[in-house]
Every structure is written in C-alpha cells, then in structure tokens.
All heavy atoms as atom14 arrays in JSON, in Angstrom:
{
  "sequence": "SHHADLLELELSRRNIPYVKYGGLKFLEAAHVKDLVALLRLLD",
  "atom14_mask": [
    [1, 1, 1, 1, 1, 1, 0, 0, 0, 0, 0, 0, 0, 0],
    [1, 1, 1, 1, 1, 1, 1, 1, 1, 1, 0, 0, 0, 0],
    [1, 1, 1, 1, 1, 1, 1, 1, 1, 1, 0, 0, 0, 0],
    [1, 1, 1, 1, 1, 0, 0, 0, 0, 0, 0, 0, 0, 0],
    [1, 1, 1, 1, 1, 1, 1, 1, 0, 0, 0, 0, 0, 0],
    [1, 1, 1, 1, 1, 1, 1, 1, 0, 0, 0, 0, 0, 0],
    [1, 1, 1, 1, 1, 1, 1, 1, 0, 0, 0, 0, 0, 0],
    [1, 1, 1, 1, 1, 1, 1, 1, 1, 0, 0, 0, 0, 0],
    [1, 1, 1, 1, 1, 1, 1, 1, 0, 0, 0, 0, 0, 0],
    [1, 1, 1, 1, 1, 1, 1, 1, 1, 0, 0, 0, 0, 0],
    [1, 1, 1, 1, 1, 1, 1, 1, 0, 0, 0, 0, 0, 0],
    [1, 1, 1, 1, 1, 1, 0, 0, 0, 0, 0, 0, 0, 0],
    [1, 1, 1, 1, 1, 1, 1, 1, 1, 1, 1, 0, 0, 0],
    [1, 1, 1, 1, 1, 1, 1, 1, 1, 1, 1, 0, 0, 0],
    [1, 1, 1, 1, 1, 1, 1, 1, 0, 0, 0, 0, 0, 0],
    [1, 1, 1, 1, 1, 1, 1, 1, 0, 0, 0, 0, 0, 0],
    [1, 1, 1, 1, 1, 1, 1, 0, 0, 0, 0, 0, 0, 0],
    [1, 1, 1, 1, 1, 1, 1, 1, 1, 1, 1, 1, 0, 0],
    [1, 1, 1, 1, 1, 1, 1, 0, 0, 0, 0, 0, 0, 0],
    [1, 1, 1, 1, 1, 1, 1, 1, 1, 0, 0, 0, 0, 0],
    [1, 1, 1, 1, 1, 1, 1, 1, 1, 1, 1, 1, 0, 0],
    [1, 1, 1, 1, 0, 0, 0, 0, 0, 0, 0, 0, 0, 0],
    [1, 1, 1, 1, 0, 0, 0, 0, 0, 0, 0, 0, 0, 0],
    [1, 1, 1, 1, 1, 1, 1, 1, 0, 0, 0, 0, 0, 0],
    [1, 1, 1, 1, 1, 1, 1, 1, 1, 0, 0, 0, 0, 0],
    [1, 1, 1, 1, 1, 1, 1, 1, 1, 1, 1, 0, 0, 0],
    [1, 1, 1, 1, 1, 1, 1, 1, 0, 0, 0, 0, 0, 0],
    [1, 1, 1, 1, 1, 1, 1, 1, 1, 0, 0, 0, 0, 0],
    [1, 1, 1, 1, 1, 0, 0, 0, 0, 0, 0, 0, 0, 0],
    [1, 1, 1, 1, 1, 0, 0, 0, 0, 0, 0, 0, 0, 0],
    [1, 1, 1, 1, 1, 1, 1, 1, 1, 1, 0, 0, 0, 0],
    [1, 1, 1, 1, 1, 1, 1, 0, 0, 0, 0, 0, 0, 0],
    [1, 1, 1, 1, 1, 1, 1, 1, 1, 0, 0, 0, 0, 0],
    [1, 1, 1, 1, 1, 1, 1, 1, 0, 0, 0, 0, 0, 0],
    [1, 1, 1, 1, 1, 1, 1, 1, 0, 0, 0, 0, 0, 0],
    [1, 1, 1, 1, 1, 1, 1, 0, 0, 0, 0, 0, 0, 0],
    [1, 1, 1, 1, 1, 0, 0, 0, 0, 0, 0, 0, 0, 0],
    [1, 1, 1, 1, 1, 1, 1, 1, 0, 0, 0, 0, 0, 0],
    [1, 1, 1, 1, 1, 1, 1, 1, 0, 0, 0, 0, 0, 0],
    [1, 1, 1, 1, 1, 1, 1, 1, 1, 1, 1, 0, 0, 0],
    [1, 1, 1, 1, 1, 1, 1, 1, 0, 0, 0, 0, 0, 0],
    [1, 1, 1, 1, 1, 1, 1, 1, 0, 0, 0, 0, 0, 0],
    [1, 1, 1, 1, 1, 1, 1, 1, 0, 0, 0, 0, 0, 0]
  ],
  "atom14_positions": [
    [[77.68, 87.07, 69.05], [76.38, 87.06, 69.72], [75.38, 88.05, 69.11], [74.21, 87.72, 68.93], [76.58, 87.37, 71.21], [75.35, 87.29, 71.9], [0.0, 0.0, 0.0], [0.0, 0.0, 0.0], [0.0, 0.0, 0.0], [0.0, 0.0, 0.0], [0.0, 0.0, 0.0], [0.0, 0.0, 0.0], [0.0, 0.0, 0.0], [0.0, 0.0, 0.0]],
    [[75.85, 89.26, 68.76], [74.89, 90.26, 68.25], [74.35, 89.92, 66.87], [73.38, 90.53, 66.4], [75.52, 91.66, 68.27], [76.61, 91.85, 67.25], [76.34, 92.13, 65.94], [77.96, 91.82, 67.36], [77.48, 92.26, 65.27], [78.47, 92.08, 66.12], [0.0, 0.0, 0.0], [0.0, 0.0, 0.0], [0.0, 0.0, 0.0], [0.0, 0.0, 0.0]],
    [[74.94, 88.95, 66.2], [74.42, 88.53, 64.9], [73.02, 87.94, 65.0], [72.33, 87.81, 63.98], [75.35, 87.49, 64.26], [76.62, 88.08, 63.72], [77.61, 87.31, 63.16], [77.07, 89.36, 63.67], [78.61, 88.09, 62.78], [78.3, 89.33, 63.08], [0.0, 0.0, 0.0], [0.0, 0.0, 0.0], [0.0, 0.0, 0.0], [0.0, 0.0, 0.0]],
    [[72.6, 87.56, 66.2], [71.28, 86.95, 66.37], [70.22, 87.95, 66.83], [69.09, 87.55, 67.11], [71.36, 85.79, 67.37], [0.0, 0.0, 0.0], [0.0, 0.0, 0.0], [0.0, 0.0, 0.0], [0.0, 0.0, 0.0], [0.0, 0.0, 0.0], [0.0, 0.0, 0.0], [0.0, 0.0, 0.0], [0.0, 0.0, 0.0], [0.0, 0.0, 0.0]],
    [[70.56, 89.23, 66.91], [69.63, 90.22, 67.48], [68.29, 90.23, 66.75], [67.22, 90.15, 67.38], [70.27, 91.61, 67.45], [71.38, 91.76, 68.47], [71.54, 90.85, 69.31], [72.11, 92.77, 68.42], [0.0, 0.0, 0.0], [0.0, 0.0, 0.0], [0.0, 0.0, 0.0], [0.0, 0.0, 0.0], [0.0, 0.0, 0.0], [0.0, 0.0, 0.0]],
    [[68.32, 90.38, 65.43], [67.06, 90.45, 64.68], [66.31, 89.14, 64.73], [65.07, 89.12, 64.79], [67.34, 90.85, 63.23], [67.78, 92.3, 63.01], [68.01, 92.55, 61.53], [66.72, 93.27, 63.53], [0.0, 0.0, 0.0], [0.0, 0.0, 0.0], [0.0, 0.0, 0.0], [0.0, 0.0, 0.0], [0.0, 0.0, 0.0], [0.0, 0.0, 0.0]],
    [[67.03, 88.03, 64.71], [66.37, 86.72, 64.81], [65.64, 86.59, 66.14], [64.51, 86.06, 66.19], [67.38, 85.6, 64.64], [66.82, 84.19, 64.83], [65.77, 83.87, 63.77], [67.94, 83.14, 64.8], [0.0, 0.0, 0.0], [0.0, 0.0, 0.0], [0.0, 0.0, 0.0], [0.0, 0.0, 0.0], [0.0, 0.0, 0.0], [0.0, 0.0, 0.0]],
    [[66.23, 87.06, 67.22], [65.58, 86.96, 68.53], [64.26, 87.73, 68.53], [63.27, 87.27, 69.13], [66.51, 87.48, 69.61], [67.72, 86.58, 69.86], [68.58, 87.06, 71.02], [68.04, 87.17, 72.14], [69.77, 87.34, 70.8], [0.0, 0.0, 0.0], [0.0, 0.0, 0.0], [0.0, 0.0, 0.0], [0.0, 0.0, 0.0], [0.0, 0.0, 0.0]],
    [[64.22, 88.88, 67.87], [62.97, 89.63, 67.78], [61.91, 88.84, 67.02], [60.74, 88.79, 67.42], [63.22, 90.98, 67.09], [64.08, 91.99, 67.84], [64.33, 93.21, 66.97], [63.42, 92.39, 69.16], [0.0, 0.0, 0.0], [0.0, 0.0, 0.0], [0.0, 0.0, 0.0], [0.0, 0.0, 0.0], [0.0, 0.0, 0.0], [0.0, 0.0, 0.0]],
    [[62.31, 88.22, 65.92], [61.37, 87.45, 65.11], [60.9, 86.2, 65.86], [59.72, 85.83, 65.8], [62.02, 87.06, 63.78], [61.1, 86.32, 62.81], [59.99, 87.19, 62.25], [60.0, 88.43, 62.5], [59.09, 86.64, 61.58], [0.0, 0.0, 0.0], [0.0, 0.0, 0.0], [0.0, 0.0, 0.0], [0.0, 0.0, 0.0], [0.0, 0.0, 0.0]],
    [[61.8, 85.55, 66.59], [61.4, 84.38, 67.38], [60.38, 84.77, 68.44], [59.39, 84.05, 68.67], [62.63, 83.76, 68.05], [63.63, 83.05, 67.12], [64.9, 82.71, 67.89], [63.03, 81.79, 66.52], [0.0, 0.0, 0.0], [0.0, 0.0, 0.0], [0.0, 0.0, 0.0], [0.0, 0.0, 0.0], [0.0, 0.0, 0.0], [0.0, 0.0, 0.0]],
    [[60.6, 85.9, 69.08], [59.65, 86.36, 70.1], [58.3, 86.7, 69.48], [57.25, 86.38, 70.04], [60.23, 87.59, 70.83], [61.43, 87.26, 71.49], [0.0, 0.0, 0.0], [0.0, 0.0, 0.0], [0.0, 0.0, 0.0], [0.0, 0.0, 0.0], [0.0, 0.0, 0.0], [0.0, 0.0, 0.0], [0.0, 0.0, 0.0], [0.0, 0.0, 0.0]],
    [[58.33, 87.35, 68.31], [57.07, 87.71, 67.65], [56.27, 86.48, 67.29], [55.03, 86.49, 67.35], [57.39, 88.52, 66.39], [56.17, 89.13, 65.71], [56.54, 89.9, 64.47], [56.97, 89.03, 63.39], [56.14, 88.35, 62.6], [54.83, 88.44, 62.8], [56.59, 87.59, 61.64], [0.0, 0.0, 0.0], [0.0, 0.0, 0.0], [0.0, 0.0, 0.0]],
    [[56.96, 85.38, 66.93], [56.27, 84.16, 66.51], [56.06, 83.18, 67.67], [55.63, 82.05, 67.44], [57.08, 83.47, 65.41], [57.25, 84.28, 64.15], [57.43, 83.36, 62.98], [57.93, 84.02, 61.79], [58.04, 83.44, 60.62], [57.66, 82.18, 60.48], [58.52, 84.08, 59.58], [0.0, 0.0, 0.0], [0.0, 0.0, 0.0], [0.0, 0.0, 0.0]],
    [[56.41, 83.6, 68.86], [56.2, 82.77, 70.05], [56.98, 81.46, 69.96], [56.48, 80.38, 70.32], [54.71, 82.48, 70.25], [54.41, 81.91, 71.63], [55.14, 82.19, 72.59], [53.38, 81.1, 71.74], [0.0, 0.0, 0.0], [0.0, 0.0, 0.0], [0.0, 0.0, 0.0], [0.0, 0.0, 0.0], [0.0, 0.0, 0.0], [0.0, 0.0, 0.0]],
    [[58.21, 81.55, 69.48], [59.11, 80.38, 69.44], [60.09, 80.51, 70.6], [60.93, 81.41, 70.6], [59.89, 80.31, 68.11], [58.92, 80.24, 66.92], [60.83, 79.11, 68.1], [59.61, 80.29, 65.56], [0.0, 0.0, 0.0], [0.0, 0.0, 0.0], [0.0, 0.0, 0.0], [0.0, 0.0, 0.0], [0.0, 0.0, 0.0], [0.0, 0.0, 0.0]],
    [[59.98, 79.67, 71.61], [60.87, 79.79, 72.77], [62.3, 79.4, 72.39], [62.53, 78.54, 71.53], [60.29, 78.81, 73.78], [59.58, 77.79, 72.95], [59.05, 78.53, 71.74], [0.0, 0.0, 0.0], [0.0, 0.0, 0.0], [0.0, 0.0, 0.0], [0.0, 0.0, 0.0], [0.0, 0.0, 0.0], [0.0, 0.0, 0.0], [0.0, 0.0, 0.0]],
    [[63.27, 80.04, 73.03], [64.66, 79.73, 72.72], [65.53, 79.95, 73.96], [65.17, 80.67, 74.89], [65.17, 80.58, 71.55], [65.22, 82.07, 71.84], [66.37, 82.65, 72.39], [64.15, 82.9, 71.55], [66.42, 84.01, 72.65], [64.18, 84.25, 71.81], [65.33, 84.81, 72.35], [65.38, 86.14, 72.62], [0.0, 0.0, 0.0], [0.0, 0.0, 0.0]],
    [[66.68, 79.31, 73.95], [67.7, 79.51, 74.97], [68.98, 79.88, 74.25], [69.38, 79.23, 73.29], [67.92, 78.23, 75.82], [69.14, 78.39, 76.72], [66.69, 77.94, 76.64], [0.0, 0.0, 0.0], [0.0, 0.0, 0.0], [0.0, 0.0, 0.0], [0.0, 0.0, 0.0], [0.0, 0.0, 0.0], [0.0, 0.0, 0.0], [0.0, 0.0, 0.0]],
    [[69.64, 80.93, 74.72], [70.86, 81.42, 74.07], [72.05, 81.13, 74.96], [72.07, 81.51, 76.13], [70.75, 82.92, 73.79], [71.87, 83.48, 72.94], [71.6, 84.95, 72.62], [72.66, 85.52, 71.7], [72.4, 86.94, 71.37], [0.0, 0.0, 0.0], [0.0, 0.0, 0.0], [0.0, 0.0, 0.0], [0.0, 0.0, 0.0], [0.0, 0.0, 0.0]],
    [[73.03, 80.42, 74.41], [74.23, 80.13, 75.19], [75.01, 81.41, 75.43], [75.2, 82.22, 74.53], [75.13, 79.13, 74.45], [74.64, 77.71, 74.48], [74.84, 76.87, 73.4], [73.98, 77.21, 75.59], [74.4, 75.55, 73.41], [73.53, 75.9, 75.61], [73.75, 75.08, 74.53], [73.31, 73.78, 74.55], [0.0, 0.0, 0.0], [0.0, 0.0, 0.0]],
    [[75.52, 81.55, 76.63], [76.31, 82.71, 76.98], [75.72, 83.38, 78.2], [74.92, 82.81, 78.94], [0.0, 0.0, 0.0], [0.0, 0.0, 0.0], [0.0, 0.0, 0.0], [0.0, 0.0, 0.0], [0.0, 0.0, 0.0], [0.0, 0.0, 0.0], [0.0, 0.0, 0.0], [0.0, 0.0, 0.0], [0.0, 0.0, 0.0], [0.0, 0.0, 0.0]],
    [[76.12, 84.63, 78.44], [75.62, 85.35, 79.6], [76.62, 85.33, 80.75], [77.72, 84.8, 80.65], [0.0, 0.0, 0.0], [0.0, 0.0, 0.0], [0.0, 0.0, 0.0], [0.0, 0.0, 0.0], [0.0, 0.0, 0.0], [0.0, 0.0, 0.0], [0.0, 0.0, 0.0], [0.0, 0.0, 0.0], [0.0, 0.0, 0.0], [0.0, 0.0, 0.0]],
    [[76.21, 85.91, 81.86], [77.08, 86.06, 83.01], [77.28, 84.74, 83.72], [76.33, 84.01, 84.0], [76.44, 87.06, 83.98], [77.31, 87.66, 85.07], [78.45, 88.46, 84.48], [76.46, 88.53, 85.98], [0.0, 0.0, 0.0], [0.0, 0.0, 0.0], [0.0, 0.0, 0.0], [0.0, 0.0, 0.0], [0.0, 0.0, 0.0], [0.0, 0.0, 0.0]],
    [[78.51, 84.4, 84.0], [78.82, 83.19, 84.74], [78.56, 83.4, 86.22], [78.56, 84.51, 86.73], [80.27, 82.76, 84.49], [80.53, 82.28, 83.06], [81.95, 81.81, 82.91], [82.17, 81.17, 81.54], [81.92, 82.1, 80.44], [0.0, 0.0, 0.0], [0.0, 0.0, 0.0], [0.0, 0.0, 0.0], [0.0, 0.0, 0.0], [0.0, 0.0, 0.0]],
    [[78.38, 82.3, 86.92], [78.0, 82.33, 88.34], [78.95, 83.2, 89.15], [78.52, 84.08, 89.9], [78.01, 80.89, 88.86], [77.43, 80.73, 90.25], [76.07, 80.63, 90.44], [78.26, 80.68, 91.36], [75.53, 80.47, 91.7], [77.73, 80.52, 92.63], [76.37, 80.41, 92.8], [0.0, 0.0, 0.0], [0.0, 0.0, 0.0], [0.0, 0.0, 0.0]],
    [[80.25, 82.97, 89.01], [81.2, 83.7, 89.84], [81.37, 85.15, 89.42], [82.02, 85.92, 90.12], [82.57, 83.01, 89.82], [82.69, 81.76, 90.68], [84.12, 81.28, 90.71], [82.22, 82.02, 92.11], [0.0, 0.0, 0.0], [0.0, 0.0, 0.0], [0.0, 0.0, 0.0], [0.0, 0.0, 0.0], [0.0, 0.0, 0.0], [0.0, 0.0, 0.0]],
    [[80.8, 85.55, 88.29], [80.87, 86.94, 87.86], [79.74, 87.77, 88.45], [79.78, 88.99, 88.38], [80.85, 87.03, 86.33], [82.07, 86.41, 85.67], [81.94, 86.33, 84.17], [80.83, 86.62, 83.66], [82.91, 85.97, 83.5], [0.0, 0.0, 0.0], [0.0, 0.0, 0.0], [0.0, 0.0, 0.0], [0.0, 0.0, 0.0], [0.0, 0.0, 0.0]],
    [[78.73, 87.12, 89.04], [77.62, 87.84, 89.65], [78.09, 88.52, 90.92], [78.8, 87.93, 91.75], [76.48, 86.86, 89.95], [0.0, 0.0, 0.0], [0.0, 0.0, 0.0], [0.0, 0.0, 0.0], [0.0, 0.0, 0.0], [0.0, 0.0, 0.0], [0.0, 0.0, 0.0], [0.0, 0.0, 0.0], [0.0, 0.0, 0.0], [0.0, 0.0, 0.0]],
    [[77.68, 89.77, 91.11], [78.22, 90.59, 92.21], [77.98, 89.96, 93.57], [78.87, 89.95, 94.43], [77.6, 91.98, 92.14], [0.0, 0.0, 0.0], [0.0, 0.0, 0.0], [0.0, 0.0, 0.0], [0.0, 0.0, 0.0], [0.0, 0.0, 0.0], [0.0, 0.0, 0.0], [0.0, 0.0, 0.0], [0.0, 0.0, 0.0], [0.0, 0.0, 0.0]],
    [[76.78, 89.43, 93.82], [76.46, 88.9, 95.14], [77.26, 87.64, 95.44], [77.66, 87.41, 96.59], [74.96, 88.62, 95.24], [74.42, 87.72, 94.16], [74.36, 88.1, 92.85], [73.93, 86.45, 94.19], [73.84, 87.12, 92.12], [73.58, 86.11, 92.91], [0.0, 0.0, 0.0], [0.0, 0.0, 0.0], [0.0, 0.0, 0.0], [0.0, 0.0, 0.0]],
    [[77.52, 86.82, 94.42], [78.32, 85.62, 94.63], [79.77, 86.01, 94.92], [80.41, 85.45, 95.81], [78.24, 84.68, 93.4], [79.13, 83.46, 93.59], [76.8, 84.25, 93.17], [0.0, 0.0, 0.0], [0.0, 0.0, 0.0], [0.0, 0.0, 0.0], [0.0, 0.0, 0.0], [0.0, 0.0, 0.0], [0.0, 0.0, 0.0], [0.0, 0.0, 0.0]],
    [[80.28, 87.0, 94.19], [81.65, 87.46, 94.44], [81.79, 88.02, 95.84], [82.84, 87.89, 96.48], [82.06, 88.5, 93.4], [82.26, 87.93, 92.0], [82.82, 88.96, 91.04], [84.25, 89.29, 91.36], [85.17, 88.17, 91.15], [0.0, 0.0, 0.0], [0.0, 0.0, 0.0], [0.0, 0.0, 0.0], [0.0, 0.0, 0.0], [0.0, 0.0, 0.0]],
    [[80.72, 88.65, 96.34], [80.77, 89.2, 97.7], [80.98, 88.09, 98.74], [81.84, 88.19, 99.61], [79.48, 89.95, 98.02], [79.38, 91.29, 97.29], [80.4, 91.72, 96.73], [78.29, 91.88, 97.28], [0.0, 0.0, 0.0], [0.0, 0.0, 0.0], [0.0, 0.0, 0.0], [0.0, 0.0, 0.0], [0.0, 0.0, 0.0], [0.0, 0.0, 0.0]],
    [[80.18, 87.05, 98.64], [80.29, 85.99, 99.64], [81.6, 85.22, 99.51], [82.22, 84.84, 100.51], [79.1, 85.03, 99.55], [78.94, 84.18, 100.82], [77.49, 84.16, 101.29], [79.42, 82.76, 100.61], [0.0, 0.0, 0.0], [0.0, 0.0, 0.0], [0.0, 0.0, 0.0], [0.0, 0.0, 0.0], [0.0, 0.0, 0.0], [0.0, 0.0, 0.0]],
    [[82.04, 85.02, 98.28], [83.33, 84.36, 98.08], [84.45, 85.22, 98.65], [85.42, 84.71, 99.24], [83.55, 84.07, 96.58], [84.99, 83.6, 96.33], [82.57, 83.01, 96.1], [0.0, 0.0, 0.0], [0.0, 0.0, 0.0], [0.0, 0.0, 0.0], [0.0, 0.0, 0.0], [0.0, 0.0, 0.0], [0.0, 0.0, 0.0], [0.0, 0.0, 0.0]],
    [[84.34, 86.54, 98.52], [85.35, 87.43, 99.08], [85.41, 87.29, 100.6], [86.5, 87.32, 101.19], [85.04, 88.88, 98.7], [0.0, 0.0, 0.0], [0.0, 0.0, 0.0], [0.0, 0.0, 0.0], [0.0, 0.0, 0.0], [0.0, 0.0, 0.0], [0.0, 0.0, 0.0], [0.0, 0.0, 0.0], [0.0, 0.0, 0.0], [0.0, 0.0, 0.0]],
    [[84.27, 87.12, 101.25], [84.25, 86.91, 102.71], [85.0, 85.64, 103.08], [85.78, 85.61, 104.05], [82.81, 86.84, 103.2], [82.03, 88.16, 103.18], [80.53, 87.9, 103.34], [82.52, 89.08, 104.29], [0.0, 0.0, 0.0], [0.0, 0.0, 0.0], [0.0, 0.0, 0.0], [0.0, 0.0, 0.0], [0.0, 0.0, 0.0], [0.0, 0.0, 0.0]],
    [[84.78, 84.57, 102.33], [85.5, 83.32, 102.6], [87.0, 83.5, 102.38], [87.83, 82.96, 103.11], [84.97, 82.22, 101.69], [83.58, 81.66, 102.0], [83.11, 80.76, 100.88], [83.59, 80.9, 103.32], [0.0, 0.0, 0.0], [0.0, 0.0, 0.0], [0.0, 0.0, 0.0], [0.0, 0.0, 0.0], [0.0, 0.0, 0.0], [0.0, 0.0, 0.0]],
    [[87.34, 84.27, 101.37], [88.76, 84.49, 101.08], [89.45, 85.27, 102.2], [90.65, 85.07, 102.45], [88.92, 85.21, 99.73], [88.73, 84.28, 98.54], [88.64, 85.0, 97.23], [89.61, 86.08, 97.11], [89.55, 87.02, 96.16], [88.56, 86.99, 95.28], [90.46, 87.95, 96.09], [0.0, 0.0, 0.0], [0.0, 0.0, 0.0], [0.0, 0.0, 0.0]],
    [[88.73, 86.14, 102.86], [89.31, 86.88, 103.98], [89.76, 85.92, 105.09], [90.8, 86.12, 105.72], [88.31, 87.88, 104.54], [87.97, 89.09, 103.67], [86.98, 89.99, 104.4], [89.23, 89.86, 103.32], [0.0, 0.0, 0.0], [0.0, 0.0, 0.0], [0.0, 0.0, 0.0], [0.0, 0.0, 0.0], [0.0, 0.0, 0.0], [0.0, 0.0, 0.0]],
    [[88.95, 84.89, 105.32], [89.3, 83.92, 106.36], [90.45, 83.02, 105.89], [91.25, 82.56, 106.71], [88.08, 83.06, 106.69], [86.92, 83.82, 107.34], [85.69, 82.95, 107.42], [87.31, 84.32, 108.72], [0.0, 0.0, 0.0], [0.0, 0.0, 0.0], [0.0, 0.0, 0.0], [0.0, 0.0, 0.0], [0.0, 0.0, 0.0], [0.0, 0.0, 0.0]],
    [[90.54, 82.79, 104.61], [91.61, 81.95, 104.09], [92.92, 82.72, 103.99], [94.0, 82.15, 104.13], [91.21, 81.41, 102.71], [91.61, 79.97, 102.51], [91.41, 79.18, 103.45], [92.12, 79.63, 101.44], [0.0, 0.0, 0.0], [0.0, 0.0, 0.0], [0.0, 0.0, 0.0], [0.0, 0.0, 0.0], [0.0, 0.0, 0.0], [0.0, 0.0, 0.0]]
  ]
}
C-alpha cells in the first residue's frame, strides 16, 4: 500500500480523483464492534 504514497500526492495535485482499495473493514470499526458485542451478550 505505501508504494502509492507519492502517486497519491501527485494525483491530488493534478485533481485526479481516485479510490484506493483497502482500509478498515466494517466489523473492525469500534462503534460497530460495540453494538455487535451487545448482541453477543444476549446470545
């Protein structure tokens, strides 16, 4: 992923929009894990 760091800066400078695959998955987000934990308590 970090191999694209400089390219991302250049894309932003030239106003070229982009989407980068990766990032935090839904269930890894703290607030989602909190609510799922509540459901797990009942289960």
